[in-house]
Amino acid sequence: MKRVFPILSIITAVLLAYALYEALVVAPTDALQGDVYRIIYYHVPSAWTAFLLFFINFGASIAYLIWRKQKADILALVSAEVGVVFCTVVLVTGPLWARPVWGIWWAPGDIRLTSTLVLWLIYVSYLVLRRFSSGSQTQMLAAALAVFGALDVPLVYFSIWFFRTQHPQPVIGGGGSMDPRMLHVLLISWLAWLCFGFLVCWSRYRLEVLHREVEEAHAMQSLAGGTPAKASLPLNRSSR
């Protein structure tokens, strides 16, 4: 696995660079919005990636509630952390796109904007609970909150189908349309950000596993009446 990670990192870096080139150079300019529309290649893939990560968080949280497996709890935590990052990108790029197109940074009362902000707040609350609560029921409460938060994901996605909003109809599975060349670049961008999100989740998962192993070892030493030994570097580096 240690050899796979560098290879995937290189592939991801190439994909991100290629997606950037496609988005800024190859993709045609929108006839109505001009070049500002190119934010779509970051805004939409970030939203899709966030939805996927929150879905993984939902599944892992359900698994933890049923089987109480630590691996499921770690996966839920990691997917929520990275999902919040991508959701933050959505909330930042959205107003940047809206200002020159709609003439406003934010449309109060817009169901998609409001539900996306609520989604972000729910998962930020989830992370705050995980970070600052040390009770024995923290993992259970966090899993329950994650299940509740996942209910907002379909509302965000389908809101433009059932409510009047500033957002256009979806270009995939909806009544909207998109130039095939734009759609091609959009899917390439999504693939690149999916790979990047996977690498971040993988790194964070391994780090969290190590962190919990260290905490467990310290707890076992404390119960045994010992003192956790401090890690030290070897004095003679040449002996390595």
C-alpha atoms as a PDB file:
ATOM      1  CA  MET A   1       0.000   0.000   0.000  1.00  0.00           C
ATOM      2  CA  LYS A   2       2.896   2.373   0.654  1.00  0.00           C
ATOM      3  CA  ARG A   3       3.921   2.101  -2.989  1.00  0.00           C
ATOM      4  CA  VAL A   4       0.385   2.635  -4.270  1.00  0.00           C
ATOM      5  CA  PHE A   5      -0.090   6.002  -2.550  1.00  0.00           C
ATOM      6  CA  PRO A   6       2.761   7.849  -4.372  1.00  0.00           C
ATOM      7  CA  ILE A   7       1.562   6.467  -7.699  1.00  0.00           C
ATOM      8  CA  LEU A   8      -1.999   7.609  -7.048  1.00  0.00           C
ATOM      9  CA  SER A   9      -0.683  10.997  -5.922  1.00  0.00           C
ATOM     10  CA  ILE A  10       1.150  11.485  -9.211  1.00  0.00           C
ATOM     11  CA  ILE A  11      -1.894  10.386 -11.212  1.00  0.00           C
ATOM     12  CA  THR A  12      -4.095  12.774  -9.240  1.00  0.00           C
ATOM     13  CA  ALA A  13      -1.703  15.691  -9.750  1.00  0.00           C
ATOM     14  CA  VAL A  14      -1.674  15.028 -13.498  1.00  0.00           C
ATOM     15  CA  LEU A  15      -5.475  14.807 -13.557  1.00  0.00           C
ATOM     16  CA  LEU A  16      -5.834  18.087 -11.652  1.00  0.00           C
ATOM     17  CA  ALA A  17      -3.426  19.854 -13.998  1.00  0.00           C
ATOM     18  CA  TYR A  18      -5.161  18.404 -17.053  1.00  0.00           C
ATOM     19  CA  ALA A  19      -8.600  19.377 -15.696  1.00  0.00           C
ATOM     20  CA  LEU A  20      -7.366  22.929 -15.081  1.00  0.00           C
ATOM     21  CA  TYR A  21      -6.065  23.168 -18.650  1.00  0.00           C
ATOM     22  CA  GLU A  22      -9.313  21.797 -20.049  1.00  0.00           C
ATOM     23  CA  ALA A  23     -11.406  24.180 -17.928  1.00  0.00           C
ATOM     24  CA  LEU A  24      -9.457  27.352 -18.740  1.00  0.00           C
ATOM     25  CA  VAL A  25      -8.290  26.703 -22.305  1.00  0.00           C
ATOM     26  CA  VAL A  26     -10.149  23.916 -24.077  1.00  0.00           C
ATOM     27  CA  ALA A  27     -13.736  24.376 -22.863  1.00  0.00           C
ATOM     28  CA  PRO A  28     -15.697  26.869 -24.997  1.00  0.00           C
ATOM     29  CA  THR A  29     -16.825  30.171 -23.540  1.00  0.00           C
ATOM     30  CA  ASP A  30     -20.463  30.406 -22.505  1.00  0.00           C
ATOM     31  CA  ALA A  31     -22.432  32.664 -24.861  1.00  0.00           C
ATOM     32  CA  LEU A  32     -24.429  34.322 -22.054  1.00  0.00           C
ATOM     33  CA  GLN A  33     -22.126  34.328 -19.022  1.00  0.00           C
ATOM     34  CA  GLY A  34     -18.726  34.659 -20.636  1.00  0.00           C
ATOM     35  CA  ASP A  35     -15.649  33.237 -18.980  1.00  0.00           C
ATOM     36  CA  VAL A  36     -17.021  33.616 -15.443  1.00  0.00           C
ATOM     37  CA  TYR A  37     -19.034  30.429 -16.004  1.00  0.00           C
ATOM     38  CA  ARG A  38     -15.774  28.443 -15.795  1.00  0.00           C
ATOM     39  CA  ILE A  39     -16.232  28.433 -12.014  1.00  0.00           C
ATOM     40  CA  ILE A  40     -18.663  25.598 -12.762  1.00  0.00           C
ATOM     41  CA  TYR A  41     -15.699  23.245 -13.183  1.00  0.00           C
ATOM     42  CA  TYR A  42     -14.889  23.695  -9.497  1.00  0.00           C
ATOM     43  CA  HIS A  43     -18.303  24.543  -8.040  1.00  0.00           C
ATOM     44  CA  VAL A  44     -20.265  21.563  -9.363  1.00  0.00           C
ATOM     45  CA  PRO A  45     -17.579  18.833  -8.926  1.00  0.00           C
ATOM     46  CA  SER A  46     -17.019  20.042  -5.357  1.00  0.00           C
ATOM     47  CA  ALA A  47     -20.761  19.749  -4.678  1.00  0.00           C
ATOM     48  CA  TRP A  48     -20.960  16.256  -6.153  1.00  0.00           C
ATOM     49  CA  THR A  49     -17.895  15.143  -4.193  1.00  0.00           C
ATOM     50  CA  ALA A  50     -19.316  16.582  -0.972  1.00  0.00           C
ATOM     51  CA  PHE A  51     -22.605  14.737  -1.536  1.00  0.00           C
ATOM     52  CA  LEU A  52     -20.732  11.477  -2.108  1.00  0.00           C
ATOM     53  CA  LEU A  53     -18.659  11.932   1.059  1.00  0.00           C
ATOM     54  CA  PHE A  54     -21.742  12.739   3.128  1.00  0.00           C
ATOM     55  CA  PHE A  55     -23.388   9.605   1.728  1.00  0.00           C
ATOM     56  CA  ILE A  56     -20.335   7.590   2.830  1.00  0.00           C
ATOM     57  CA  ASN A  57     -20.582   9.257   6.235  1.00  0.00           C
ATOM     58  CA  PHE A  58     -24.247   8.220   6.394  1.00  0.00           C
ATOM     59  CA  GLY A  59     -23.469   4.593   5.561  1.00  0.00           C
ATOM     60  CA  ALA A  60     -20.540   4.415   7.980  1.00  0.00           C
ATOM     61  CA  SER A  61     -22.627   5.998  10.749  1.00  0.00           C
ATOM     62  CA  ILE A  62     -25.410   3.445  10.237  1.00  0.00           C
ATOM     63  CA  ALA A  63     -22.802   0.669  10.310  1.00  0.00           C
ATOM     64  CA  TYR A  64     -21.375   2.019  13.579  1.00  0.00           C
ATOM     65  CA  LEU A  65     -24.815   2.239  15.189  1.00  0.00           C
ATOM     66  CA  ILE A  66     -25.454  -1.402  14.292  1.00  0.00           C
ATOM     67  CA  TRP A  67     -22.077  -3.081  14.830  1.00  0.00           C
ATOM     68  CA  ARG A  68     -20.076  -0.565  16.936  1.00  0.00           C
ATOM     69  CA  LYS A  69     -16.990  -1.045  14.769  1.00  0.00           C
ATOM     70  CA  GLN A  70     -14.235   1.546  15.228  1.00  0.00           C
ATOM     71  CA  LYS A  71     -13.284   1.369  11.556  1.00  0.00           C
ATOM     72  CA  ALA A  72     -16.805   2.474  10.635  1.00  0.00           C
ATOM     73  CA  ASP A  73     -16.579   5.353  13.119  1.00  0.00           C
ATOM     74  CA  ILE A  74     -13.223   6.449  11.692  1.00  0.00           C
ATOM     75  CA  LEU A  75     -14.579   6.318   8.137  1.00  0.00           C
ATOM     76  CA  ALA A  76     -17.567   8.414   9.214  1.00  0.00           C
ATOM     77  CA  LEU A  77     -15.316  11.004  10.845  1.00  0.00           C
ATOM     78  CA  VAL A  78     -12.909  11.238   7.910  1.00  0.00           C
ATOM     79  CA  SER A  79     -15.623  11.469   5.251  1.00  0.00           C
ATOM     80  CA  ALA A  80     -17.354  14.231   7.236  1.00  0.00           C
ATOM     81  CA  GLU A  81     -14.128  16.230   7.588  1.00  0.00           C
ATOM     82  CA  VAL A  82     -13.281  16.102   3.890  1.00  0.00           C
ATOM     83  CA  GLY A  83     -16.929  16.553   2.928  1.00  0.00           C
ATOM     84  CA  VAL A  84     -17.102  19.800   4.904  1.00  0.00           C
ATOM     85  CA  VAL A  85     -14.021  21.067   3.046  1.00  0.00           C
ATOM     86  CA  PHE A  86     -15.645  20.426  -0.333  1.00  0.00           C
ATOM     87  CA  CYS A  87     -18.950  21.889   0.858  1.00  0.00           C
ATOM     88  CA  THR A  88     -17.046  25.007   1.936  1.00  0.00           C
ATOM     89  CA  VAL A  89     -15.634  25.297  -1.588  1.00  0.00           C
ATOM     90  CA  VAL A  90     -19.212  25.142  -2.881  1.00  0.00           C
ATOM     91  CA  LEU A  91     -20.341  27.941  -0.567  1.00  0.00           C
ATOM     92  CA  VAL A  92     -17.367  30.120  -1.533  1.00  0.00           C
ATOM     93  CA  THR A  93     -17.440  29.598  -5.295  1.00  0.00           C
ATOM     94  CA  GLY A  94     -21.227  29.950  -5.465  1.00  0.00           C
ATOM     95  CA  PRO A  95     -21.363  33.641  -4.474  1.00  0.00           C
ATOM     96  CA  LEU A  96     -18.292  34.361  -6.604  1.00  0.00           C
ATOM     97  CA  TRP A  97     -20.228  33.019  -9.568  1.00  0.00           C
ATOM     98  CA  ALA A  98     -23.546  34.570  -8.561  1.00  0.00           C
ATOM     99  CA  ARG A  99     -22.336  38.167  -8.186  1.00  0.00           C
ATOM    100  CA  PRO A 100     -21.497  38.834 -11.872  1.00  0.00           C
ATOM    101  CA  VAL A 101     -24.348  36.634 -13.188  1.00  0.00           C
ATOM    102  CA  TRP A 102     -27.256  37.382 -10.837  1.00  0.00           C
ATOM    103  CA  GLY A 103     -26.031  40.745  -9.595  1.00  0.00           C
ATOM    104  CA  ILE A 104     -26.099  39.606  -5.962  1.00  0.00           C
ATOM    105  CA  TRP A 105     -23.768  37.578  -3.756  1.00  0.00           C
ATOM    106  CA  TRP A 106     -26.562  35.654  -2.052  1.00  0.00           C
ATOM    107  CA  ALA A 107     -30.278  35.237  -2.740  1.00  0.00           C
ATOM    108  CA  PRO A 108     -32.124  35.191   0.611  1.00  0.00           C
ATOM    109  CA  GLY A 109     -34.881  32.603   0.665  1.00  0.00           C
ATOM    110  CA  ASP A 110     -33.420  30.559  -2.208  1.00  0.00           C
ATOM    111  CA  ILE A 111     -34.091  26.975  -1.173  1.00  0.00           C
ATOM    112  CA  ARG A 112     -30.927  25.505  -2.683  1.00  0.00           C
ATOM    113  CA  LEU A 113     -28.642  28.115  -1.139  1.00  0.00           C
ATOM    114  CA  THR A 114     -30.338  27.867   2.244  1.00  0.00           C
ATOM    115  CA  SER A 115     -30.410  24.073   2.330  1.00  0.00           C
ATOM    116  CA  THR A 116     -26.724  23.923   1.325  1.00  0.00           C
ATOM    117  CA  LEU A 117     -25.813  26.296   4.148  1.00  0.00           C
ATOM    118  CA  VAL A 118     -27.875  24.200   6.583  1.00  0.00           C
ATOM    119  CA  LEU A 119     -26.087  21.075   5.348  1.00  0.00           C
ATOM    120  CA  TRP A 120     -22.717  22.709   5.991  1.00  0.00           C
ATOM    121  CA  LEU A 121     -23.800  23.828   9.473  1.00  0.00           C
ATOM    122  CA  ILE A 122     -25.026  20.329  10.372  1.00  0.00           C
ATOM    123  CA  TYR A 123     -21.730  18.695   9.508  1.00  0.00           C
ATOM    124  CA  VAL A 124     -19.690  21.463  11.114  1.00  0.00           C
ATOM    125  CA  SER A 125     -21.753  20.792  14.256  1.00  0.00           C
ATOM    126  CA  TYR A 126     -20.948  17.107  13.827  1.00  0.00           C
ATOM    127  CA  LEU A 127     -17.218  17.864  13.754  1.00  0.00           C
ATOM    128  CA  VAL A 128     -17.484  20.231  16.730  1.00  0.00           C
ATOM    129  CA  LEU A 129     -19.241  17.488  18.686  1.00  0.00           C
ATOM    130  CA  ARG A 130     -16.517  14.998  17.772  1.00  0.00           C
ATOM    131  CA  ARG A 131     -13.763  17.472  18.654  1.00  0.00           C
ATOM    132  CA  PHE A 132     -14.912  18.901  21.979  1.00  0.00           C
ATOM    133  CA  SER A 133     -17.050  16.164  23.536  1.00  0.00           C
ATOM    134  CA  SER A 134     -15.247  13.398  25.395  1.00  0.00           C
ATOM    135  CA  GLY A 135     -18.217  11.510  26.836  1.00  0.00           C
ATOM    136  CA  SER A 136     -18.769   7.805  26.389  1.00  0.00           C
ATOM    137  CA  GLN A 137     -21.788   8.456  24.157  1.00  0.00           C
ATOM    138  CA  THR A 138     -20.066  10.937  21.824  1.00  0.00           C
ATOM    139  CA  GLN A 139     -19.657   8.506  18.953  1.00  0.00           C
ATOM    140  CA  MET A 140     -23.290   7.394  19.254  1.00  0.00           C
ATOM    141  CA  LEU A 141     -24.586  10.971  19.299  1.00  0.00           C
ATOM    142  CA  ALA A 142     -22.364  11.923  16.370  1.00  0.00           C
ATOM    143  CA  ALA A 143     -23.607   8.951  14.345  1.00  0.00           C
ATOM    144  CA  ALA A 144     -27.222   9.906  15.058  1.00  0.00           C
ATOM    145  CA  LEU A 145     -26.514  13.506  14.019  1.00  0.00           C
ATOM    146  CA  ALA A 146     -24.890  12.276  10.803  1.00  0.00           C
ATOM    147  CA  VAL A 147     -27.964  10.221   9.934  1.00  0.00           C
ATOM    148  CA  PHE A 148     -30.121  13.304  10.500  1.00  0.00           C
ATOM    149  CA  GLY A 149     -27.778  15.491   8.443  1.00  0.00           C
ATOM    150  CA  ALA A 150     -27.845  13.077   5.506  1.00  0.00           C
ATOM    151  CA  LEU A 151     -31.554  13.784   5.089  1.00  0.00           C
ATOM    152  CA  ASP A 152     -30.643  17.272   3.884  1.00  0.00           C
ATOM    153  CA  VAL A 153     -28.542  15.985   0.976  1.00  0.00           C
ATOM    154  CA  PRO A 154     -31.530  14.928  -1.191  1.00  0.00           C
ATOM    155  CA  LEU A 155     -33.229  18.237  -0.360  1.00  0.00           C
ATOM    156  CA  VAL A 156     -30.221  20.166  -1.656  1.00  0.00           C
ATOM    157  CA  TYR A 157     -29.980  18.110  -4.825  1.00  0.00           C
ATOM    158  CA  PHE A 158     -33.684  17.958  -5.742  1.00  0.00           C
ATOM    159  CA  SER A 159     -34.603  21.446  -4.537  1.00  0.00           C
ATOM    160  CA  ILE A 160     -34.325  22.972  -8.016  1.00  0.00           C
ATOM    161  CA  TRP A 161     -36.764  20.362  -9.334  1.00  0.00           C
ATOM    162  CA  PHE A 162     -39.549  21.085  -6.874  1.00  0.00           C
ATOM    163  CA  PHE A 163     -39.003  24.724  -5.892  1.00  0.00           C
ATOM    164  CA  ARG A 164     -38.429  27.978  -7.749  1.00  0.00           C
ATOM    165  CA  THR A 165     -34.807  29.006  -7.267  1.00  0.00           C
ATOM    166  CA  GLN A 166     -32.167  31.131  -8.938  1.00  0.00           C
ATOM    167  CA  HIS A 167     -30.334  27.986 -10.034  1.00  0.00           C
ATOM    168  CA  PRO A 168     -30.938  26.600 -13.534  1.00  0.00           C
ATOM    169  CA  GLN A 169     -32.226  23.089 -14.129  1.00  0.00           C
ATOM    170  CA  PRO A 170     -29.605  20.328 -13.675  1.00  0.00           C
ATOM    171  CA  VAL A 171     -27.611  19.490 -16.783  1.00  0.00           C
ATOM    172  CA  ILE A 172     -27.567  15.780 -15.911  1.00  0.00           C
ATOM    173  CA  GLY A 173     -30.853  14.023 -15.213  1.00  0.00           C
ATOM    174  CA  GLY A 174     -32.903  17.223 -15.436  1.00  0.00           C
ATOM    175  CA  GLY A 175     -34.392  19.677 -17.871  1.00  0.00           C
ATOM    176  CA  GLY A 176     -31.200  21.636 -18.514  1.00  0.00           C
ATOM    177  CA  SER A 177     -28.781  21.318 -21.395  1.00  0.00           C
ATOM    178  CA  MET A 178     -25.047  21.732 -21.836  1.00  0.00           C
ATOM    179  CA  ASP A 179     -22.592  21.786 -24.696  1.00  0.00           C
ATOM    180  CA  PRO A 180     -21.103  18.252 -24.953  1.00  0.00           C
ATOM    181  CA  ARG A 181     -17.583  19.732 -24.809  1.00  0.00           C
ATOM    182  CA  MET A 182     -18.431  21.532 -21.557  1.00  0.00           C
ATOM    183  CA  LEU A 183     -19.948  18.380 -20.110  1.00  0.00           C
ATOM    184  CA  HIS A 184     -16.821  16.433 -21.046  1.00  0.00           C
ATOM    185  CA  VAL A 185     -14.602  18.913 -19.187  1.00  0.00           C
ATOM    186  CA  LEU A 186     -17.000  18.916 -16.226  1.00  0.00           C
ATOM    187  CA  LEU A 187     -16.736  15.146 -15.857  1.00  0.00           C
ATOM    188  CA  ILE A 188     -12.944  15.279 -16.149  1.00  0.00           C
ATOM    189  CA  SER A 189     -12.860  17.888 -13.373  1.00  0.00           C
ATOM    190  CA  TRP A 190     -15.086  15.744 -11.199  1.00  0.00           C
ATOM    191  CA  LEU A 191     -12.843  12.719 -11.712  1.00  0.00           C
ATOM    192  CA  ALA A 192      -9.793  14.782 -10.727  1.00  0.00           C
ATOM    193  CA  TRP A 193     -11.437  16.093  -7.537  1.00  0.00           C
ATOM    194  CA  LEU A 194     -12.736  12.632  -6.672  1.00  0.00           C
ATOM    195  CA  CYS A 195      -9.187  11.284  -6.834  1.00  0.00           C
ATOM    196  CA  PHE A 196      -7.931  14.169  -4.721  1.00  0.00           C
ATOM    197  CA  GLY A 197     -10.680  13.654  -2.156  1.00  0.00           C
ATOM    198  CA  PHE A 198      -9.913   9.931  -2.015  1.00  0.00           C
ATOM    199  CA  LEU A 199      -6.221  10.596  -1.344  1.00  0.00           C
ATOM    200  CA  VAL A 200      -7.016  13.075   1.433  1.00  0.00           C
ATOM    201  CA  CYS A 201      -9.481  10.644   3.010  1.00  0.00           C
ATOM    202  CA  TRP A 202      -6.963   7.808   2.777  1.00  0.00           C
ATOM    203  CA  SER A 203      -4.231   9.864   4.447  1.00  0.00           C
ATOM    204  CA  ARG A 204      -6.596  11.131   7.137  1.00  0.00           C
ATOM    205  CA  TYR A 205      -7.925   7.606   7.785  1.00  0.00           C
ATOM    206  CA  ARG A 206      -4.438   6.188   8.313  1.00  0.00           C
ATOM    207  CA  LEU A 207      -3.548   9.089  10.601  1.00  0.00           C
ATOM    208  CA  GLU A 208      -6.687   8.627  12.686  1.00  0.00           C
ATOM    209  CA  VAL A 209      -6.026   4.890  13.020  1.00  0.00           C
ATOM    210  CA  LEU A 210      -2.496   5.576  14.278  1.00  0.00           C
ATOM    211  CA  HIS A 211      -3.782   8.265  16.639  1.00  0.00           C
ATOM    212  CA  ARG A 212      -6.288   5.888  18.215  1.00  0.00           C
ATOM    213  CA  GLU A 213      -3.709   3.112  18.498  1.00  0.00           C
ATOM    214  CA  VAL A 214      -1.382   5.470  20.386  1.00  0.00           C
ATOM    215  CA  GLU A 215      -4.204   6.613  22.669  1.00  0.00           C
ATOM    216  CA  GLU A 216      -5.175   2.999  23.358  1.00  0.00           C
ATOM    217  CA  ALA A 217      -1.563   2.086  24.147  1.00  0.00           C
ATOM    218  CA  HIS A 218      -1.270   5.016  26.554  1.00  0.00           C
ATOM    219  CA  ALA A 219      -4.541   4.048  28.214  1.00  0.00           C
ATOM    220  CA  MET A 220      -3.366   0.454  28.655  1.00  0.00           C
ATOM    221  CA  GLN A 221      -0.078   1.622  30.191  1.00  0.00           C
ATOM    222  CA  SER A 222      -1.946   3.932  32.546  1.00  0.00           C
ATOM    223  CA  LEU A 223      -4.182   1.076  33.690  1.00  0.00           C
ATOM    224  CA  ALA A 224      -1.103  -1.071  34.222  1.00  0.00           C
ATOM    225  CA  GLY A 225       0.431   1.619  36.419  1.00  0.00           C
ATOM    226  CA  GLY A 226       3.204   2.474  33.978  1.00  0.00           C
ATOM    227  CA  THR A 227       4.214   5.749  32.400  1.00  0.00           C
ATOM    228  CA  PRO A 228       3.964   6.138  28.603  1.00  0.00           C
ATOM    229  CA  ALA A 229       7.439   6.244  27.167  1.00  0.00           C
ATOM    230  CA  LYS A 230       8.365   9.266  25.105  1.00  0.00           C
ATOM    231  CA  ALA A 231       9.517   8.563  21.590  1.00  0.00           C
ATOM    232  CA  SER A 232      13.108   9.591  20.942  1.00  0.00           C
ATOM    233  CA  LEU A 233      15.276   9.732  17.872  1.00  0.00           C
ATOM    234  CA  PRO A 234      18.390   7.535  17.729  1.00  0.00           C
ATOM    235  CA  LEU A 235      21.527   9.392  18.758  1.00  0.00           C
ATOM    236  CA  ASN A 236      23.726   7.720  16.175  1.00  0.00           C
ATOM    237  CA  ARG A 237      22.107   8.378  12.802  1.00  0.00           C
ATOM    238  CA  SER A 238      24.936   6.611  10.953  1.00  0.00           C
ATOM    239  CA  SER A 239      23.967   3.309  12.519  1.00  0.00           C
ATOM    240  CA  ARG A 240      20.698   3.250  10.517  1.00  0.00           C
END
